[in-house]
Amino acid sequence: MIDEGLDIAENEIHGKVEINVGIAANPNANPLEPEILKIGRKAHLGADFIQTQTMFDIELTKHFLKETEKYNVPTLVGVFPLKSYGIADFFDKYIPGVHVPKDLLKAMRKCKDEPDKEKRKDLYDEVNMEFFAPFIKEIRKTTKAAGVHVMAVLYERIFEPLLAETM
């Protein structure tokens, strides 16, 4: 409908409409080669950007970004700060290809044991900052990533400190 000058409700669209076509990618794929080939096909069809699945492994992230440079498509690396141990454990066990580092899981498990709810929130924030701030800084410093996509579902309070720490 956009190419007809109408929106989804068939209202007239005024002005120029620009659409960016993004594609999803999973740097955690094993083996990685078929994922890189799929990205290449999508890039050749005109993808404007790549957005990745959540990443926890910096070396795997850097390897993936190096492999996709040849397509010259900006890439946003997905990171998912973990609001609780339950979420961390779920990601590690049930999200295909995603493995939360054992040290991070252990730190999250310790936070879970804090009986005071406010202190527990603060501990989770500290653990996330200690893990993700250096991760994001490393991506910014050593790769050609276009940016980072922070997926903090129901965990908005982490955005401001994470942004302040990584800029």
N, C-alpha and C. Protein backbone atom coordinates (compact mmCIF):
# COMPACT_ATOMS: atom_id res chain seq x y z
N MET A 1 0.82 -1.18 0.00
CA MET A 1 0.00 0.00 0.00
C MET A 1 0.87 1.25 0.00
N ILE A 2 2.07 1.16 0.55
CA ILE A 2 2.94 2.34 0.59
C ILE A 2 3.24 2.81 -0.82
N ASP A 3 3.50 1.85 -1.71
CA ASP A 3 3.81 2.26 -3.08
C ASP A 3 2.59 2.81 -3.81
N GLU A 4 1.41 2.70 -3.22
CA GLU A 4 0.18 3.26 -3.79
C GLU A 4 -0.18 4.59 -3.17
N GLY A 5 0.65 5.07 -2.23
CA GLY A 5 0.38 6.35 -1.59
C GLY A 5 -0.63 6.27 -0.46
N LEU A 6 -0.88 5.05 0.04
CA LEU A 6 -1.85 4.85 1.12
C LEU A 6 -1.20 4.09 2.27
N ASP A 7 -1.67 4.37 3.50
CA ASP A 7 -1.19 3.58 4.64
C ASP A 7 -2.08 2.36 4.79
N ILE A 8 -1.85 1.59 5.84
CA ILE A 8 -2.57 0.34 6.05
C ILE A 8 -4.08 0.54 6.22
N ALA A 9 -4.49 1.72 6.70
CA ALA A 9 -5.91 2.04 6.86
C ALA A 9 -6.45 2.75 5.62
N GLU A 10 -5.65 2.77 4.58
CA GLU A 10 -6.00 3.40 3.30
C GLU A 10 -6.15 4.91 3.38
N ASN A 11 -5.42 5.51 4.34
CA ASN A 11 -5.35 6.97 4.40
C ASN A 11 -4.23 7.42 3.48
N GLU A 12 -4.41 8.58 2.86
CA GLU A 12 -3.39 9.10 1.96
C GLU A 12 -2.12 9.44 2.75
N ILE A 13 -1.00 9.05 2.19
CA ILE A 13 0.30 9.36 2.79
C ILE A 13 0.84 10.62 2.11
N HIS A 14 1.20 11.61 2.92
CA HIS A 14 1.75 12.86 2.38
C HIS A 14 3.25 12.84 2.58
N GLY A 15 3.98 13.27 1.60
CA GLY A 15 5.43 13.30 1.70
C GLY A 15 6.05 12.00 1.24
N LYS A 16 7.36 11.96 1.29
CA LYS A 16 8.11 10.79 0.83
C LYS A 16 8.22 9.76 1.96
N VAL A 17 7.98 8.53 1.63
CA VAL A 17 8.10 7.45 2.60
C VAL A 17 9.37 6.67 2.28
N GLU A 18 10.21 6.51 3.28
CA GLU A 18 11.42 5.73 3.10
C GLU A 18 11.38 4.53 4.03
N ILE A 19 11.74 3.40 3.49
CA ILE A 19 11.73 2.17 4.27
C ILE A 19 13.14 1.59 4.24
N ASN A 20 13.61 1.16 5.40
CA ASN A 20 14.88 0.46 5.49
C ASN A 20 14.58 -1.01 5.72
N VAL A 21 15.16 -1.84 4.89
CA VAL A 21 14.94 -3.28 4.98
C VAL A 21 16.04 -3.88 5.84
N GLY A 22 15.63 -4.42 6.98
CA GLY A 22 16.59 -5.06 7.87
C GLY A 22 16.43 -6.56 7.83
N ILE A 23 17.52 -7.25 8.09
CA ILE A 23 17.48 -8.70 8.14
C ILE A 23 18.01 -9.17 9.49
N ALA A 24 17.54 -10.31 9.91
CA ALA A 24 18.00 -10.91 11.16
C ALA A 24 19.14 -11.88 10.84
N ALA A 25 20.06 -12.00 11.79
CA ALA A 25 21.16 -12.94 11.62
C ALA A 25 21.49 -13.55 12.98
N ASN A 26 21.96 -14.78 12.93
CA ASN A 26 22.32 -15.47 14.16
C ASN A 26 23.81 -15.82 14.16
N PRO A 27 24.63 -14.96 14.76
CA PRO A 27 26.06 -15.24 14.84
C PRO A 27 26.39 -16.48 15.67
N ASN A 28 25.40 -16.97 16.41
CA ASN A 28 25.60 -18.16 17.24
C ASN A 28 25.43 -19.45 16.44
N ALA A 29 25.05 -19.34 15.17
CA ALA A 29 24.79 -20.53 14.35
C ALA A 29 26.02 -21.42 14.30
N ASN A 30 25.77 -22.71 14.36
CA ASN A 30 26.86 -23.68 14.30
C ASN A 30 26.44 -24.83 13.39
N PRO A 31 27.00 -24.88 12.19
CA PRO A 31 28.13 -24.11 11.70
C PRO A 31 27.70 -22.71 11.25
N LEU A 32 28.64 -21.80 11.22
CA LEU A 32 28.37 -20.41 10.88
C LEU A 32 28.26 -20.18 9.37
N GLU A 33 28.96 -20.99 8.58
CA GLU A 33 29.05 -20.75 7.14
C GLU A 33 27.69 -20.64 6.45
N PRO A 34 26.71 -21.53 6.71
CA PRO A 34 25.40 -21.36 6.05
C PRO A 34 24.71 -20.04 6.43
N GLU A 35 24.89 -19.59 7.65
CA GLU A 35 24.31 -18.31 8.08
C GLU A 35 24.94 -17.15 7.30
N ILE A 36 26.24 -17.21 7.09
CA ILE A 36 26.94 -16.17 6.34
C ILE A 36 26.46 -16.17 4.88
N LEU A 37 26.26 -17.34 4.31
CA LEU A 37 25.76 -17.42 2.93
C LEU A 37 24.35 -16.84 2.82
N LYS A 38 23.49 -17.11 3.81
CA LYS A 38 22.13 -16.54 3.80
C LYS A 38 22.20 -15.01 3.88
N ILE A 39 23.07 -14.51 4.72
CA ILE A 39 23.24 -13.06 4.84
C ILE A 39 23.68 -12.49 3.50
N GLY A 40 24.60 -13.17 2.83
CA GLY A 40 25.08 -12.72 1.53
C GLY A 40 23.95 -12.63 0.51
N ARG A 41 23.10 -13.64 0.47
CA ARG A 41 21.96 -13.61 -0.47
C ARG A 41 21.04 -12.43 -0.16
N LYS A 42 20.77 -12.21 1.11
CA LYS A 42 19.88 -11.11 1.51
C LYS A 42 20.54 -9.76 1.24
N ALA A 43 21.83 -9.68 1.45
CA ALA A 43 22.56 -8.43 1.17
C ALA A 43 22.48 -8.11 -0.33
N HIS A 44 22.65 -9.12 -1.16
CA HIS A 44 22.60 -8.91 -2.61
C HIS A 44 21.20 -8.54 -3.09
N LEU A 45 20.19 -8.89 -2.31
CA LEU A 45 18.80 -8.53 -2.65
C LEU A 45 18.45 -7.13 -2.16
N GLY A 46 19.37 -6.48 -1.44
CA GLY A 46 19.16 -5.09 -1.07
C GLY A 46 18.93 -4.81 0.40
N ALA A 47 19.30 -5.71 1.27
CA ALA A 47 19.15 -5.45 2.71
C ALA A 47 19.92 -4.19 3.09
N ASP A 48 19.28 -3.35 3.90
CA ASP A 48 19.91 -2.10 4.32
C ASP A 48 20.71 -2.25 5.61
N PHE A 49 20.34 -3.21 6.45
CA PHE A 49 21.09 -3.43 7.69
C PHE A 49 20.84 -4.84 8.19
N ILE A 50 21.73 -5.26 9.07
CA ILE A 50 21.64 -6.56 9.73
C ILE A 50 21.46 -6.31 11.22
N GLN A 51 20.60 -7.08 11.83
CA GLN A 51 20.43 -7.04 13.28
C GLN A 51 20.61 -8.46 13.79
N THR A 52 21.50 -8.63 14.76
CA THR A 52 21.82 -10.00 15.20
C THR A 52 20.98 -10.45 16.38
N GLN A 53 20.96 -11.74 16.54
CA GLN A 53 20.45 -12.39 17.75
C GLN A 53 21.33 -11.90 18.91
N THR A 54 20.85 -12.06 20.11
CA THR A 54 21.64 -11.64 21.27
C THR A 54 22.98 -12.37 21.32
N MET A 55 24.00 -11.63 21.72
CA MET A 55 25.35 -12.17 21.79
C MET A 55 25.91 -12.01 23.20
N PHE A 56 26.65 -13.02 23.63
CA PHE A 56 27.34 -12.97 24.92
C PHE A 56 28.83 -13.25 24.75
N ASP A 57 29.22 -13.82 23.62
CA ASP A 57 30.60 -14.22 23.38
C ASP A 57 31.28 -13.17 22.50
N ILE A 58 32.19 -12.41 23.05
CA ILE A 58 32.82 -11.31 22.31
C ILE A 58 33.65 -11.82 21.14
N GLU A 59 34.37 -12.91 21.31
CA GLU A 59 35.20 -13.42 20.21
C GLU A 59 34.34 -13.94 19.07
N LEU A 60 33.26 -14.62 19.38
CA LEU A 60 32.32 -15.08 18.36
C LEU A 60 31.69 -13.89 17.63
N THR A 61 31.36 -12.85 18.37
CA THR A 61 30.79 -11.64 17.79
C THR A 61 31.78 -11.00 16.82
N LYS A 62 33.02 -10.87 17.24
CA LYS A 62 34.04 -10.25 16.39
C LYS A 62 34.29 -11.09 15.13
N HIS A 63 34.30 -12.40 15.28
CA HIS A 63 34.49 -13.29 14.12
C HIS A 63 33.33 -13.13 13.14
N PHE A 64 32.11 -13.11 13.65
CA PHE A 64 30.93 -12.93 12.81
C PHE A 64 31.00 -11.60 12.06
N LEU A 65 31.32 -10.53 12.76
CA LEU A 65 31.39 -9.21 12.13
C LEU A 65 32.46 -9.17 11.04
N LYS A 66 33.57 -9.83 11.27
CA LYS A 66 34.63 -9.90 10.27
C LYS A 66 34.14 -10.64 9.02
N GLU A 67 33.42 -11.74 9.24
CA GLU A 67 32.90 -12.54 8.13
C GLU A 67 31.87 -11.78 7.29
N THR A 68 31.12 -10.88 7.90
CA THR A 68 30.06 -10.18 7.18
C THR A 68 30.52 -8.85 6.57
N GLU A 69 31.73 -8.41 6.88
CA GLU A 69 32.24 -7.14 6.32
C GLU A 69 32.18 -7.13 4.81
N LYS A 70 32.40 -8.27 4.18
CA LYS A 70 32.46 -8.34 2.71
C LYS A 70 31.14 -7.93 2.05
N TYR A 71 30.05 -7.95 2.79
CA TYR A 71 28.75 -7.59 2.22
C TYR A 71 28.45 -6.10 2.33
N ASN A 72 29.26 -5.38 3.09
CA ASN A 72 29.12 -3.94 3.22
C ASN A 72 27.70 -3.52 3.64
N VAL A 73 27.16 -4.24 4.61
CA VAL A 73 25.83 -3.93 5.15
C VAL A 73 26.02 -3.61 6.63
N PRO A 74 25.58 -2.44 7.09
CA PRO A 74 25.74 -2.08 8.50
C PRO A 74 25.11 -3.14 9.42
N THR A 75 25.80 -3.45 10.50
CA THR A 75 25.32 -4.49 11.42
C THR A 75 25.14 -3.92 12.82
N LEU A 76 23.99 -4.21 13.38
CA LEU A 76 23.69 -3.89 14.77
C LEU A 76 23.80 -5.18 15.57
N VAL A 77 24.67 -5.19 16.55
CA VAL A 77 24.89 -6.37 17.38
C VAL A 77 23.85 -6.38 18.51
N GLY A 78 23.16 -7.48 18.65
CA GLY A 78 22.16 -7.61 19.70
C GLY A 78 22.78 -8.01 21.03
N VAL A 79 22.44 -7.27 22.07
CA VAL A 79 22.81 -7.66 23.43
C VAL A 79 21.54 -7.63 24.28
N PHE A 80 21.48 -8.50 25.25
CA PHE A 80 20.29 -8.65 26.07
C PHE A 80 20.68 -8.66 27.55
N PRO A 81 20.71 -7.48 28.19
CA PRO A 81 20.97 -7.47 29.63
C PRO A 81 19.93 -8.33 30.35
N LEU A 82 20.38 -9.06 31.32
CA LEU A 82 19.56 -10.06 31.99
C LEU A 82 18.99 -9.52 33.29
N LYS A 83 17.69 -9.36 33.33
CA LYS A 83 17.02 -8.75 34.48
C LYS A 83 17.05 -9.65 35.72
N SER A 84 17.17 -10.96 35.50
CA SER A 84 17.13 -11.88 36.64
C SER A 84 17.88 -13.16 36.30
N TYR A 85 18.13 -13.96 37.33
CA TYR A 85 18.77 -15.26 37.11
C TYR A 85 17.85 -16.16 36.29
N GLY A 86 16.55 -16.10 36.55
CA GLY A 86 15.60 -16.93 35.80
C GLY A 86 15.69 -16.69 34.31
N ILE A 87 15.81 -15.43 33.92
CA ILE A 87 15.93 -15.10 32.50
C ILE A 87 17.26 -15.61 31.95
N ALA A 88 18.33 -15.42 32.70
CA ALA A 88 19.65 -15.90 32.27
C ALA A 88 19.63 -17.41 32.08
N ASP A 89 19.06 -18.12 33.03
CA ASP A 89 18.99 -19.58 32.97
C ASP A 89 18.14 -20.03 31.77
N PHE A 90 17.01 -19.35 31.55
CA PHE A 90 16.14 -19.67 30.42
C PHE A 90 16.88 -19.49 29.10
N PHE A 91 17.56 -18.36 28.94
CA PHE A 91 18.31 -18.10 27.71
C PHE A 91 19.33 -19.20 27.48
N ASP A 92 20.06 -19.55 28.53
CA ASP A 92 21.11 -20.54 28.40
C ASP A 92 20.55 -21.91 28.01
N LYS A 93 19.42 -22.27 28.57
CA LYS A 93 18.86 -23.61 28.34
C LYS A 93 17.97 -23.72 27.10
N TYR A 94 17.24 -22.65 26.77
CA TYR A 94 16.17 -22.82 25.79
C TYR A 94 16.25 -21.97 24.52
N ILE A 95 17.14 -21.02 24.44
CA ILE A 95 17.25 -20.22 23.23
C ILE A 95 18.32 -20.86 22.35
N PRO A 96 17.93 -21.38 21.19
CA PRO A 96 18.88 -22.10 20.34
C PRO A 96 20.11 -21.26 20.00
N GLY A 97 21.26 -21.86 20.24
CA GLY A 97 22.52 -21.24 19.88
C GLY A 97 23.02 -20.18 20.85
N VAL A 98 22.21 -19.82 21.84
CA VAL A 98 22.63 -18.79 22.81
C VAL A 98 23.13 -19.48 24.06
N HIS A 99 24.33 -19.14 24.45
CA HIS A 99 24.90 -19.70 25.67
C HIS A 99 25.38 -18.56 26.55
N VAL A 100 24.78 -18.44 27.71
CA VAL A 100 25.19 -17.43 28.67
C VAL A 100 26.47 -17.94 29.32
N PRO A 101 27.52 -17.13 29.34
CA PRO A 101 28.79 -17.58 29.93
C PRO A 101 28.59 -18.05 31.37
N LYS A 102 29.30 -19.11 31.72
CA LYS A 102 29.17 -19.71 33.06
C LYS A 102 29.44 -18.70 34.18
N ASP A 103 30.44 -17.85 34.00
CA ASP A 103 30.74 -16.84 35.02
C ASP A 103 29.58 -15.86 35.20
N LEU A 104 28.95 -15.49 34.10
CA LEU A 104 27.81 -14.58 34.17
C LEU A 104 26.63 -15.27 34.85
N LEU A 105 26.38 -16.53 34.51
CA LEU A 105 25.31 -17.29 35.16
C LEU A 105 25.55 -17.40 36.67
N LYS A 106 26.79 -17.67 37.03
CA LYS A 106 27.15 -17.80 38.44
C LYS A 106 26.91 -16.50 39.19
N ALA A 107 27.31 -15.37 38.58
CA ALA A 107 27.10 -14.06 39.21
C ALA A 107 25.61 -13.76 39.34
N MET A 108 24.84 -14.12 38.32
CA MET A 108 23.39 -13.89 38.37
C MET A 108 22.74 -14.76 39.46
N ARG A 109 23.23 -15.98 39.60
CA ARG A 109 22.69 -16.88 40.63
C ARG A 109 22.92 -16.31 42.03
N LYS A 110 24.09 -15.69 42.24
CA LYS A 110 24.39 -15.07 43.54
C LYS A 110 23.41 -13.93 43.82
N CYS A 111 23.09 -13.15 42.81
CA CYS A 111 22.14 -12.03 42.99
C CYS A 111 20.78 -12.55 43.45
N LYS A 112 20.37 -13.67 42.88
CA LYS A 112 19.07 -14.26 43.18
C LYS A 112 18.91 -14.54 44.67
N ASP A 113 20.01 -14.82 45.34
CA ASP A 113 19.97 -15.19 46.76
C ASP A 113 19.82 -14.01 47.71
N GLU A 114 19.91 -12.78 47.19
CA GLU A 114 19.75 -11.59 48.03
C GLU A 114 18.27 -11.45 48.42
N PRO A 115 17.97 -11.48 49.72
CA PRO A 115 16.56 -11.43 50.13
C PRO A 115 15.89 -10.06 49.95
N ASP A 116 16.67 -8.98 50.05
CA ASP A 116 16.10 -7.64 49.91
C ASP A 116 15.91 -7.33 48.42
N LYS A 117 14.67 -7.07 48.02
CA LYS A 117 14.33 -6.88 46.60
C LYS A 117 15.11 -5.73 45.96
N GLU A 118 15.20 -4.59 46.64
CA GLU A 118 15.91 -3.43 46.07
C GLU A 118 17.41 -3.71 45.94
N LYS A 119 17.99 -4.35 46.96
CA LYS A 119 19.41 -4.70 46.88
C LYS A 119 19.65 -5.71 45.75
N ARG A 120 18.70 -6.64 45.58
CA ARG A 120 18.81 -7.65 44.53
C ARG A 120 18.81 -6.96 43.15
N LYS A 121 17.91 -5.99 42.96
CA LYS A 121 17.88 -5.23 41.70
C LYS A 121 19.22 -4.54 41.46
N ASP A 122 19.76 -3.92 42.49
CA ASP A 122 21.05 -3.24 42.37
C ASP A 122 22.16 -4.22 41.99
N LEU A 123 22.13 -5.40 42.60
CA LEU A 123 23.14 -6.42 42.29
C LEU A 123 23.03 -6.87 40.84
N TYR A 124 21.80 -7.10 40.37
CA TYR A 124 21.61 -7.48 38.96
C TYR A 124 22.14 -6.38 38.04
N ASP A 125 21.86 -5.13 38.40
CA ASP A 125 22.36 -4.00 37.59
C ASP A 125 23.89 -4.02 37.55
N GLU A 126 24.51 -4.22 38.69
CA GLU A 126 25.98 -4.24 38.76
C GLU A 126 26.56 -5.35 37.88
N VAL A 127 25.98 -6.53 37.97
CA VAL A 127 26.47 -7.67 37.18
C VAL A 127 26.34 -7.37 35.69
N ASN A 128 25.20 -6.83 35.30
CA ASN A 128 24.99 -6.50 33.89
C ASN A 128 25.96 -5.43 33.41
N MET A 129 26.17 -4.42 34.23
CA MET A 129 27.11 -3.35 33.86
C MET A 129 28.53 -3.91 33.73
N GLU A 130 28.93 -4.77 34.66
CA GLU A 130 30.27 -5.35 34.63
C GLU A 130 30.48 -6.23 33.40
N PHE A 131 29.41 -6.85 32.91
CA PHE A 131 29.55 -7.71 31.73
C PHE A 131 29.37 -6.93 30.43
N PHE A 132 28.28 -6.16 30.33
CA PHE A 132 27.93 -5.57 29.04
C PHE A 132 28.67 -4.29 28.70
N ALA A 133 29.05 -3.48 29.69
CA ALA A 133 29.79 -2.25 29.37
C ALA A 133 31.11 -2.58 28.67
N PRO A 134 31.93 -3.48 29.21
CA PRO A 134 33.17 -3.83 28.49
C PRO A 134 32.89 -4.51 27.14
N PHE A 135 31.84 -5.31 27.07
CA PHE A 135 31.46 -5.98 25.83
C PHE A 135 31.18 -4.95 24.74
N ILE A 136 30.34 -3.96 25.06
CA ILE A 136 29.97 -2.93 24.10
C ILE A 136 31.18 -2.07 23.74
N LYS A 137 31.98 -1.73 24.73
CA LYS A 137 33.19 -0.94 24.45
C LYS A 137 34.12 -1.68 23.50
N GLU A 138 34.28 -2.96 23.71
CA GLU A 138 35.14 -3.78 22.84
C GLU A 138 34.61 -3.81 21.41
N ILE A 139 33.32 -3.95 21.25
CA ILE A 139 32.71 -3.94 19.92
C ILE A 139 32.98 -2.60 19.24
N ARG A 140 32.76 -1.52 19.98
CA ARG A 140 32.97 -0.17 19.42
C ARG A 140 34.42 0.05 19.02
N LYS A 141 35.34 -0.46 19.85
CA LYS A 141 36.77 -0.20 19.65
C LYS A 141 37.40 -1.08 18.57
N THR A 142 36.95 -2.32 18.44
CA THR A 142 37.69 -3.28 17.62
C THR A 142 36.94 -3.80 16.39
N THR A 143 35.71 -3.33 16.15
CA THR A 143 34.97 -3.85 15.00
C THR A 143 34.39 -2.69 14.18
N LYS A 144 33.80 -3.07 13.07
CA LYS A 144 33.13 -2.09 12.21
C LYS A 144 31.61 -2.15 12.40
N ALA A 145 31.15 -2.67 13.51
CA ALA A 145 29.71 -2.72 13.77
C ALA A 145 29.12 -1.31 13.70
N ALA A 146 27.92 -1.22 13.15
CA ALA A 146 27.23 0.07 13.05
C ALA A 146 26.69 0.51 14.39
N GLY A 147 26.53 -0.43 15.30
CA GLY A 147 26.01 -0.10 16.62
C GLY A 147 25.59 -1.35 17.36
N VAL A 148 24.95 -1.11 18.47
CA VAL A 148 24.48 -2.20 19.34
C VAL A 148 22.99 -2.02 19.56
N HIS A 149 22.27 -3.10 19.45
CA HIS A 149 20.84 -3.09 19.73
C HIS A 149 20.64 -3.71 21.10
N VAL A 150 20.30 -2.87 22.09
CA VAL A 150 20.13 -3.36 23.46
C VAL A 150 18.67 -3.77 23.64
N MET A 151 18.48 -5.07 23.85
CA MET A 151 17.15 -5.62 24.03
C MET A 151 16.92 -5.84 25.52
N ALA A 152 16.44 -4.83 26.18
CA ALA A 152 16.27 -4.90 27.63
C ALA A 152 14.77 -4.96 27.94
N VAL A 153 14.18 -6.11 27.67
CA VAL A 153 12.75 -6.29 27.84
C VAL A 153 12.37 -6.14 29.32
N LEU A 154 11.50 -5.18 29.59
CA LEU A 154 11.04 -4.87 30.95
C LEU A 154 12.22 -4.57 31.90
N TYR A 155 13.29 -4.04 31.33
CA TYR A 155 14.49 -3.74 32.11
C TYR A 155 15.06 -2.40 31.64
N GLU A 156 14.17 -1.43 31.46
CA GLU A 156 14.55 -0.14 30.92
C GLU A 156 15.55 0.61 31.79
N ARG A 157 15.55 0.34 33.08
CA ARG A 157 16.43 1.11 33.97
C ARG A 157 17.91 0.92 33.65
N ILE A 158 18.25 -0.12 32.91
CA ILE A 158 19.66 -0.38 32.59
C ILE A 158 20.17 0.51 31.43
N PHE A 159 19.25 1.06 30.62
CA PHE A 159 19.67 1.83 29.45
C PHE A 159 20.55 3.02 29.79
N GLU A 160 20.09 3.88 30.66
CA GLU A 160 20.83 5.12 30.95
C GLU A 160 22.23 4.85 31.48
N PRO A 161 22.39 4.01 32.50
CA PRO A 161 23.76 3.77 32.98
C PRO A 161 24.62 3.06 31.95
N LEU A 162 24.04 2.15 31.18
CA LEU A 162 24.82 1.43 30.17
C LEU A 162 25.27 2.39 29.07
N LEU A 163 24.38 3.26 28.65
CA LEU A 163 24.73 4.26 27.63
C LEU A 163 25.82 5.20 28.17
N ALA A 164 25.65 5.69 29.38
CA ALA A 164 26.63 6.61 29.97
C ALA A 164 28.01 5.95 30.08
N GLU A 165 28.03 4.69 30.41
CA GLU A 165 29.30 3.98 30.62
C GLU A 165 30.00 3.65 29.30
N THR A 166 29.25 3.51 28.20
CA THR A 166 29.84 3.03 26.95
C THR A 166 30.06 4.13 25.92
N MET A 167 29.67 5.34 26.20
CA MET A 167 29.85 6.42 25.21
C MET A 167 31.15 7.16 25.47
